């Protein structure tokens, strides 16, 4: 759950409100030490569960670095995990 919490926090803590996959992965690695495979696994679970949404950037921006946005369910999960 540490990796899940770090992913959700990484989405929420982005200063401009538009966290990218790269910035969230850097935050997760720095916070938990989780590697690429572990992060990808948990990101997929969170996306399939409706807690995060990956949104492609415009063509002018980097194509392989989508935004990672919290859904309302993701905000609720983050609040629940922080309350424990």
PDB file of N, CA and C in Angstrom:
ATOM      1  N   UNK A   1       0.820  -1.205   0.000  1.00  0.00           N
ATOM      2  CA  UNK A   1       0.000   0.000   0.000  1.00  0.00           C
ATOM      3  C   UNK A   1       0.856   1.257   0.000  1.00  0.00           C
ATOM      4  N   UNK A   2       2.148   1.108   0.350  1.00  0.00           N
ATOM      5  CA  UNK A   2       3.024   2.278   0.329  1.00  0.00           C
ATOM      6  C   UNK A   2       3.174   2.820  -1.093  1.00  0.00           C
ATOM      7  N   UNK A   3       3.272   1.919  -2.050  1.00  0.00           N
ATOM      8  CA  UNK A   3       3.409   2.351  -3.440  1.00  0.00           C
ATOM      9  C   UNK A   3       2.130   3.018  -3.922  1.00  0.00           C
ATOM     10  N   UNK A   4       0.993   2.455  -3.567  1.00  0.00           N
ATOM     11  CA  UNK A   4      -0.292   3.041  -3.939  1.00  0.00           C
ATOM     12  C   UNK A   4      -0.420   4.433  -3.331  1.00  0.00           C
ATOM     13  N   UNK A   5      -0.123   4.552  -2.057  1.00  0.00           N
ATOM     14  CA  UNK A   5      -0.206   5.846  -1.381  1.00  0.00           C
ATOM     15  C   UNK A   5       0.730   6.854  -2.040  1.00  0.00           C
ATOM     16  N   UNK A   6       1.942   6.447  -2.369  1.00  0.00           N
ATOM     17  CA  UNK A   6       2.903   7.354  -2.994  1.00  0.00           C
ATOM     18  C   UNK A   6       2.422   7.804  -4.383  1.00  0.00           C
ATOM     19  N   UNK A   7       1.808   6.914  -5.143  1.00  0.00           N
ATOM     20  CA  UNK A   7       1.278   7.284  -6.461  1.00  0.00           C
ATOM     21  C   UNK A   7       0.190   8.341  -6.295  1.00  0.00           C
ATOM     22  N   UNK A   8      -0.730   8.098  -5.397  1.00  0.00           N
ATOM     23  CA  UNK A   8      -1.816   9.054  -5.173  1.00  0.00           C
ATOM     24  C   UNK A   8      -1.283  10.382  -4.668  1.00  0.00           C
ATOM     25  N   UNK A   9      -0.320  10.339  -3.746  1.00  0.00           N
ATOM     26  CA  UNK A   9       0.282  11.572  -3.235  1.00  0.00           C
ATOM     27  C   UNK A   9       1.034  12.309  -4.337  1.00  0.00           C
ATOM     28  N   UNK A  10       1.735  11.562  -5.180  1.00  0.00           N
ATOM     29  CA  UNK A  10       2.468  12.178  -6.280  1.00  0.00           C
ATOM     30  C   UNK A  10       1.556  12.914  -7.243  1.00  0.00           C
ATOM     31  N   UNK A  11       0.368  12.380  -7.443  1.00  0.00           N
ATOM     32  CA  UNK A  11      -0.623  13.059  -8.289  1.00  0.00           C
ATOM     33  C   UNK A  11      -1.129  14.328  -7.623  1.00  0.00           C
ATOM     34  N   UNK A  12      -1.345  14.263  -6.333  1.00  0.00           N
ATOM     35  CA  UNK A  12      -1.922  15.395  -5.610  1.00  0.00           C
ATOM     36  C   UNK A  12      -0.907  16.512  -5.355  1.00  0.00           C
ATOM     37  N   UNK A  13       0.347  16.160  -5.143  1.00  0.00           N
ATOM     38  CA  UNK A  13       1.345  17.146  -4.735  1.00  0.00           C
ATOM     39  C   UNK A  13       1.943  17.957  -5.874  1.00  0.00           C
ATOM     40  N   UNK A  14       1.628  17.615  -7.096  1.00  0.00           N
ATOM     41  CA  UNK A  14       2.200  18.344  -8.235  1.00  0.00           C
ATOM     42  C   UNK A  14       1.766  19.805  -8.169  1.00  0.00           C
ATOM     43  N   UNK A  15       2.719  20.694  -8.255  1.00  0.00           N
ATOM     44  CA  UNK A  15       2.461  22.128  -8.052  1.00  0.00           C
ATOM     45  C   UNK A  15       1.484  22.722  -9.053  1.00  0.00           C
ATOM     46  N   UNK A  16       1.602  22.323 -10.321  1.00  0.00           N
ATOM     47  CA  UNK A  16       0.744  22.938 -11.333  1.00  0.00           C
ATOM     48  C   UNK A  16      -0.577  22.198 -11.527  1.00  0.00           C
ATOM     49  N   UNK A  17      -0.789  21.126 -10.760  1.00  0.00           N
ATOM     50  CA  UNK A  17      -2.035  20.376 -10.859  1.00  0.00           C
ATOM     51  C   UNK A  17      -2.106  19.460 -12.058  1.00  0.00           C
ATOM     52  N   UNK A  18      -1.015  19.345 -12.802  1.00  0.00           N
ATOM     53  CA  UNK A  18      -0.986  18.482 -13.980  1.00  0.00           C
ATOM     54  C   UNK A  18       0.204  17.536 -13.882  1.00  0.00           C
ATOM     55  N   UNK A  19       0.159  16.579 -12.968  1.00  0.00           N
ATOM     56  CA  UNK A  19       1.285  15.659 -12.803  1.00  0.00           C
ATOM     57  C   UNK A  19       1.454  14.764 -14.020  1.00  0.00           C
ATOM     58  N   UNK A  20       2.689  14.565 -14.412  1.00  0.00           N
ATOM     59  CA  UNK A  20       2.979  13.676 -15.537  1.00  0.00           C
ATOM     60  C   UNK A  20       3.418  12.320 -15.000  1.00  0.00           C
ATOM     61  N   UNK A  21       3.396  11.341 -15.871  1.00  0.00           N
ATOM     62  CA  UNK A  21       3.835  10.005 -15.495  1.00  0.00           C
ATOM     63  C   UNK A  21       5.267  10.054 -14.978  1.00  0.00           C
ATOM     64  N   UNK A  22       6.117  10.818 -15.646  1.00  0.00           N
ATOM     65  CA  UNK A  22       7.519  10.913 -15.234  1.00  0.00           C
ATOM     66  C   UNK A  22       7.658  11.529 -13.837  1.00  0.00           C
ATOM     67  N   UNK A  23       6.907  12.599 -13.564  1.00  0.00           N
ATOM     68  CA  UNK A  23       7.030  13.248 -12.252  1.00  0.00           C
ATOM     69  C   UNK A  23       6.481  12.367 -11.135  1.00  0.00           C
ATOM     70  N   UNK A  24       5.396  11.657 -11.412  1.00  0.00           N
ATOM     71  CA  UNK A  24       4.830  10.762 -10.396  1.00  0.00           C
ATOM     72  C   UNK A  24       5.784   9.592 -10.140  1.00  0.00           C
ATOM     73  N   UNK A  25       6.346   9.014 -11.195  1.00  0.00           N
ATOM     74  CA  UNK A  25       7.282   7.892 -11.033  1.00  0.00           C
ATOM     75  C   UNK A  25       8.520   8.316 -10.254  1.00  0.00           C
ATOM     76  N   UNK A  26       9.016   9.514 -10.513  1.00  0.00           N
ATOM     77  CA  UNK A  26      10.169  10.027  -9.759  1.00  0.00           C
ATOM     78  C   UNK A  26       9.813  10.183  -8.294  1.00  0.00           C
ATOM     79  N   UNK A  27       8.630  10.732  -8.012  1.00  0.00           N
ATOM     80  CA  UNK A  27       8.185  10.904  -6.632  1.00  0.00           C
ATOM     81  C   UNK A  27       8.061   9.548  -5.928  1.00  0.00           C
ATOM     82  N   UNK A  28       7.474   8.581  -6.592  1.00  0.00           N
ATOM     83  CA  UNK A  28       7.273   7.250  -6.003  1.00  0.00           C
ATOM     84  C   UNK A  28       8.619   6.580  -5.731  1.00  0.00           C
ATOM     85  N   UNK A  29       9.530   6.654  -6.679  1.00  0.00           N
ATOM     86  CA  UNK A  29      10.850   6.049  -6.497  1.00  0.00           C
ATOM     87  C   UNK A  29      11.593   6.704  -5.337  1.00  0.00           C
ATOM     88  N   UNK A  30      11.527   8.017  -5.252  1.00  0.00           N
ATOM     89  CA  UNK A  30      12.203   8.737  -4.170  1.00  0.00           C
ATOM     90  C   UNK A  30      11.570   8.450  -2.810  1.00  0.00           C
ATOM     91  N   UNK A  31      10.256   8.267  -2.791  1.00  0.00           N
ATOM     92  CA  UNK A  31       9.528   8.072  -1.533  1.00  0.00           C
ATOM     93  C   UNK A  31       9.588   6.637  -1.030  1.00  0.00           C
ATOM     94  N   UNK A  32       9.431   5.674  -1.955  1.00  0.00           N
ATOM     95  CA  UNK A  32       9.313   4.273  -1.532  1.00  0.00           C
ATOM     96  C   UNK A  32      10.447   3.379  -2.012  1.00  0.00           C
ATOM     97  N   UNK A  33      11.162   3.823  -3.017  1.00  0.00           N
ATOM     98  CA  UNK A  33      12.196   2.975  -3.611  1.00  0.00           C
ATOM     99  C   UNK A  33      11.639   1.962  -4.590  1.00  0.00           C
ATOM    100  N   UNK A  34      10.345   2.048  -4.896  1.00  0.00           N
ATOM    101  CA  UNK A  34       9.713   1.109  -5.819  1.00  0.00           C
ATOM    102  C   UNK A  34      10.281   1.284  -7.216  1.00  0.00           C
ATOM    103  N   UNK A  35      10.559   0.175  -7.877  1.00  0.00           N
ATOM    104  CA  UNK A  35      11.096   0.197  -9.224  1.00  0.00           C
ATOM    105  C   UNK A  35      10.018   0.333 -10.279  1.00  0.00           C
ATOM    106  N   UNK A  36      10.456   0.363 -11.515  1.00  0.00           N
ATOM    107  CA  UNK A  36       9.564   0.575 -12.653  1.00  0.00           C
ATOM    108  C   UNK A  36       8.464  -0.480 -12.741  1.00  0.00           C
ATOM    109  N   UNK A  37       8.807  -1.748 -12.567  1.00  0.00           N
ATOM    110  CA  UNK A  37       7.827  -2.835 -12.704  1.00  0.00           C
ATOM    111  C   UNK A  37       6.754  -2.725 -11.618  1.00  0.00           C
ATOM    112  N   UNK A  38       7.176  -2.507 -10.383  1.00  0.00           N
ATOM    113  CA  UNK A  38       6.219  -2.372  -9.279  1.00  0.00           C
ATOM    114  C   UNK A  38       5.314  -1.163  -9.488  1.00  0.00           C
ATOM    115  N   UNK A  39       5.900  -0.061  -9.917  1.00  0.00           N
ATOM    116  CA  UNK A  39       5.104   1.153 -10.161  1.00  0.00           C
ATOM    117  C   UNK A  39       4.090   0.928 -11.268  1.00  0.00           C
ATOM    118  N   UNK A  40       4.528   0.316 -12.372  1.00  0.00           N
ATOM    119  CA  UNK A  40       3.633   0.066 -13.501  1.00  0.00           C
ATOM    120  C   UNK A  40       2.474  -0.835 -13.094  1.00  0.00           C
ATOM    121  N   UNK A  41       2.767  -1.853 -12.296  1.00  0.00           N
ATOM    122  CA  UNK A  41       1.728  -2.770 -11.821  1.00  0.00           C
ATOM    123  C   UNK A  41       0.669  -2.014 -11.009  1.00  0.00           C
ATOM    124  N   UNK A  42       1.120  -1.210 -10.052  1.00  0.00           N
ATOM    125  CA  UNK A  42       0.182  -0.483  -9.194  1.00  0.00           C
ATOM    126  C   UNK A  42      -0.556   0.617  -9.959  1.00  0.00           C
ATOM    127  N   UNK A  43       0.114   1.247 -10.911  1.00  0.00           N
ATOM    128  CA  UNK A  43      -0.560   2.265 -11.750  1.00  0.00           C
ATOM    129  C   UNK A  43      -1.690   1.613 -12.543  1.00  0.00           C
ATOM    130  N   UNK A  44      -1.428   0.423 -13.089  1.00  0.00           N
ATOM    131  CA  UNK A  44      -2.447  -0.285 -13.851  1.00  0.00           C
ATOM    132  C   UNK A  44      -3.630  -0.651 -12.959  1.00  0.00           C
ATOM    133  N   UNK A  45      -3.352  -1.137 -11.767  1.00  0.00           N
ATOM    134  CA  UNK A  45      -4.437  -1.453 -10.826  1.00  0.00           C
ATOM    135  C   UNK A  45      -5.264  -0.216 -10.497  1.00  0.00           C
ATOM    136  N   UNK A  46      -4.585   0.893 -10.216  1.00  0.00           N
ATOM    137  CA  UNK A  46      -5.294   2.133  -9.870  1.00  0.00           C
ATOM    138  C   UNK A  46      -6.102   2.664 -11.057  1.00  0.00           C
ATOM    139  N   UNK A  47      -5.540   2.564 -12.253  1.00  0.00           N
ATOM    140  CA  UNK A  47      -6.269   3.037 -13.430  1.00  0.00           C
ATOM    141  C   UNK A  47      -7.483   2.150 -13.712  1.00  0.00           C
ATOM    142  N   UNK A  48      -7.296   0.829 -13.680  1.00  0.00           N
ATOM    143  CA  UNK A  48      -8.411  -0.088 -13.923  1.00  0.00           C
ATOM    144  C   UNK A  48      -9.479   0.001 -12.837  1.00  0.00           C
ATOM    145  N   UNK A  49      -9.075   0.362 -11.622  1.00  0.00           N
ATOM    146  CA  UNK A  49     -10.022   0.527 -10.520  1.00  0.00           C
ATOM    147  C   UNK A  49     -10.730   1.869 -10.521  1.00  0.00           C
ATOM    148  N   UNK A  50     -10.327   2.764 -11.427  1.00  0.00           N
ATOM    149  CA  UNK A  50     -10.990   4.062 -11.525  1.00  0.00           C
ATOM    150  C   UNK A  50     -10.472   5.102 -10.538  1.00  0.00           C
ATOM    151  N   UNK A  51      -9.283   4.897  -9.990  1.00  0.00           N
ATOM    152  CA  UNK A  51      -8.732   5.833  -9.011  1.00  0.00           C
ATOM    153  C   UNK A  51      -7.841   6.899  -9.646  1.00  0.00           C
ATOM    154  N   UNK A  52      -7.240   6.579 -10.790  1.00  0.00           N
ATOM    155  CA  UNK A  52      -6.463   7.548 -11.553  1.00  0.00           C
ATOM    156  C   UNK A  52      -6.882   7.460 -13.009  1.00  0.00           C
ATOM    157  N   UNK A  53      -6.554   8.514 -13.747  1.00  0.00           N
ATOM    158  CA  UNK A  53      -6.848   8.542 -15.178  1.00  0.00           C
ATOM    159  C   UNK A  53      -5.608   9.051 -15.890  1.00  0.00           C
ATOM    160  N   UNK A  54      -5.166   8.330 -16.911  1.00  0.00           N
ATOM    161  CA  UNK A  54      -4.043   8.771 -17.724  1.00  0.00           C
ATOM    162  C   UNK A  54      -4.591   9.565 -18.899  1.00  0.00           C
ATOM    163  N   UNK A  55      -4.087  10.759 -19.067  1.00  0.00           N
ATOM    164  CA  UNK A  55      -4.572  11.653 -20.121  1.00  0.00           C
ATOM    165  C   UNK A  55      -3.400  12.084 -20.984  1.00  0.00           C
ATOM    166  N   UNK A  56      -3.465  11.769 -22.271  1.00  0.00           N
ATOM    167  CA  UNK A  56      -2.360  12.111 -23.170  1.00  0.00           C
ATOM    168  C   UNK A  56      -2.211  13.616 -23.280  1.00  0.00           C
ATOM    169  N   UNK A  57      -0.959  14.039 -23.389  1.00  0.00           N
ATOM    170  CA  UNK A  57      -0.688  15.452 -23.607  1.00  0.00           C
ATOM    171  C   UNK A  57      -0.922  15.788 -25.075  1.00  0.00           C
ATOM    172  N   UNK A  58      -1.017  17.054 -25.369  1.00  0.00           N
ATOM    173  CA  UNK A  58      -1.237  17.476 -26.751  1.00  0.00           C
ATOM    174  C   UNK A  58      -0.039  17.098 -27.623  1.00  0.00           C
ATOM    175  N   UNK A  59      -0.215  17.122 -28.904  1.00  0.00           N
ATOM    176  CA  UNK A  59       0.833  16.722 -29.840  1.00  0.00           C
ATOM    177  C   UNK A  59       2.079  17.583 -29.717  1.00  0.00           C
ATOM    178  N   UNK A  60       1.921  18.826 -29.315  1.00  0.00           N
ATOM    179  CA  UNK A  60       3.073  19.705 -29.173  1.00  0.00           C
ATOM    180  C   UNK A  60       3.941  19.307 -27.985  1.00  0.00           C
ATOM    181  N   UNK A  61       3.362  18.585 -27.057  1.00  0.00           N
ATOM    182  CA  UNK A  61       4.080  18.188 -25.856  1.00  0.00           C
ATOM    183  C   UNK A  61       4.575  16.755 -26.010  1.00  0.00           C
ATOM    184  N   UNK A  62       5.216  16.249 -24.986  1.00  0.00           N
ATOM    185  CA  UNK A  62       5.757  14.884 -25.041  1.00  0.00           C
ATOM    186  C   UNK A  62       4.626  13.867 -25.128  1.00  0.00           C
ATOM    187  N   UNK A  63       4.683  13.022 -26.136  1.00  0.00           N
ATOM    188  CA  UNK A  63       3.615  12.043 -26.362  1.00  0.00           C
ATOM    189  C   UNK A  63       3.676  10.864 -25.402  1.00  0.00           C
ATOM    190  N   UNK A  64       4.860  10.523 -24.930  1.00  0.00           N
ATOM    191  CA  UNK A  64       5.017   9.340 -24.085  1.00  0.00           C
ATOM    192  C   UNK A  64       5.005   9.669 -22.601  1.00  0.00           C
ATOM    193  N   UNK A  65       4.517  10.829 -22.243  1.00  0.00           N
ATOM    194  CA  UNK A  65       4.505  11.251 -20.849  1.00  0.00           C
ATOM    195  C   UNK A  65       3.125  11.798 -20.497  1.00  0.00           C
ATOM    196  N   UNK A  66       2.129  10.914 -20.369  1.00  0.00           N
ATOM    197  CA  UNK A  66       0.761  11.389 -20.118  1.00  0.00           C
ATOM    198  C   UNK A  66       0.620  12.007 -18.736  1.00  0.00           C
ATOM    199  N   UNK A  67      -0.412  12.821 -18.597  1.00  0.00           N
ATOM    200  CA  UNK A  67      -0.768  13.326 -17.278  1.00  0.00           C
ATOM    201  C   UNK A  67      -1.372  12.181 -16.480  1.00  0.00           C
ATOM    202  N   UNK A  68      -1.170  12.181 -15.169  1.00  0.00           N
ATOM    203  CA  UNK A  68      -1.761  11.180 -14.273  1.00  0.00           C
ATOM    204  C   UNK A  68      -2.661  11.948 -13.314  1.00  0.00           C
ATOM    205  N   UNK A  69      -3.962  11.828 -13.493  1.00  0.00           N
ATOM    206  CA  UNK A  69      -4.915  12.635 -12.753  1.00  0.00           C
ATOM    207  C   UNK A  69      -5.720  11.777 -11.782  1.00  0.00           C
ATOM    208  N   UNK A  70      -5.947  12.314 -10.596  1.00  0.00           N
ATOM    209  CA  UNK A  70      -6.793  11.632  -9.612  1.00  0.00           C
ATOM    210  C   UNK A  70      -8.256  11.796  -9.998  1.00  0.00           C
ATOM    211  N   UNK A  71      -9.022  10.750  -9.858  1.00  0.00           N
ATOM    212  CA  UNK A  71     -10.475  10.832  -9.998  1.00  0.00           C
ATOM    213  C   UNK A  71     -11.043  11.141  -8.614  1.00  0.00           C
ATOM    214  N   UNK A  72     -12.347  11.328  -8.525  1.00  0.00           N
ATOM    215  CA  UNK A  72     -12.958  11.543  -7.207  1.00  0.00           C
ATOM    216  C   UNK A  72     -12.718  10.328  -6.307  1.00  0.00           C
ATOM    217  N   UNK A  73     -12.809   9.141  -6.884  1.00  0.00           N
ATOM    218  CA  UNK A  73     -12.539   7.926  -6.104  1.00  0.00           C
ATOM    219  C   UNK A  73     -11.098   7.900  -5.620  1.00  0.00           C
ATOM    220  N   UNK A  74     -10.172   8.385  -6.441  1.00  0.00           N
ATOM    221  CA  UNK A  74      -8.770   8.461  -6.050  1.00  0.00           C
ATOM    222  C   UNK A  74      -8.556   9.422  -4.898  1.00  0.00           C
ATOM    223  N   UNK A  75      -9.243  10.566  -4.934  1.00  0.00           N
ATOM    224  CA  UNK A  75      -9.163  11.517  -3.822  1.00  0.00           C
ATOM    225  C   UNK A  75      -9.709  10.887  -2.540  1.00  0.00           C
ATOM    226  N   UNK A  76     -10.820  10.174  -2.667  1.00  0.00           N
ATOM    227  CA  UNK A  76     -11.414   9.507  -1.507  1.00  0.00           C
ATOM    228  C   UNK A  76     -10.477   8.442  -0.942  1.00  0.00           C
ATOM    229  N   UNK A  77      -9.845   7.659  -1.810  1.00  0.00           N
ATOM    230  CA  UNK A  77      -8.904   6.630  -1.365  1.00  0.00           C
ATOM    231  C   UNK A  77      -7.702   7.265  -0.668  1.00  0.00           C
ATOM    232  N   UNK A  78      -7.175   8.322  -1.223  1.00  0.00           N
ATOM    233  CA  UNK A  78      -6.047   9.021  -0.610  1.00  0.00           C
ATOM    234  C   UNK A  78      -6.413   9.535   0.761  1.00  0.00           C
ATOM    235  N   UNK A  79      -7.564  10.136   0.879  1.00  0.00           N
ATOM    236  CA  UNK A  79      -8.026  10.637   2.183  1.00  0.00           C
ATOM    237  C   UNK A  79      -8.183   9.505   3.175  1.00  0.00           C
ATOM    238  N   UNK A  80      -8.714   8.376   2.732  1.00  0.00           N
ATOM    239  CA  UNK A  80      -8.894   7.212   3.598  1.00  0.00           C
ATOM    240  C   UNK A  80      -7.549   6.647   4.058  1.00  0.00           C
ATOM    241  N   UNK A  81      -6.591   6.547   3.148  1.00  0.00           N
ATOM    242  CA  UNK A  81      -5.268   6.024   3.508  1.00  0.00           C
ATOM    243  C   UNK A  81      -4.526   6.963   4.454  1.00  0.00           C
ATOM    244  N   UNK A  82      -4.675   8.248   4.252  1.00  0.00           N
ATOM    245  CA  UNK A  82      -4.021   9.220   5.133  1.00  0.00           C
ATOM    246  C   UNK A  82      -4.641   9.249   6.523  1.00  0.00           C
ATOM    247  N   UNK A  83      -5.906   8.843   6.636  1.00  0.00           N
ATOM    248  CA  UNK A  83      -6.584   8.829   7.926  1.00  0.00           C
ATOM    249  C   UNK A  83      -6.136   7.665   8.798  1.00  0.00           C
ATOM    250  N   UNK A  84      -5.510   6.650   8.193  1.00  0.00           N
ATOM    251  CA  UNK A  84      -5.102   5.463   8.953  1.00  0.00           C
ATOM    252  C   UNK A  84      -3.796   5.670   9.660  1.00  0.00           C
TER     253      UNK A  84
END
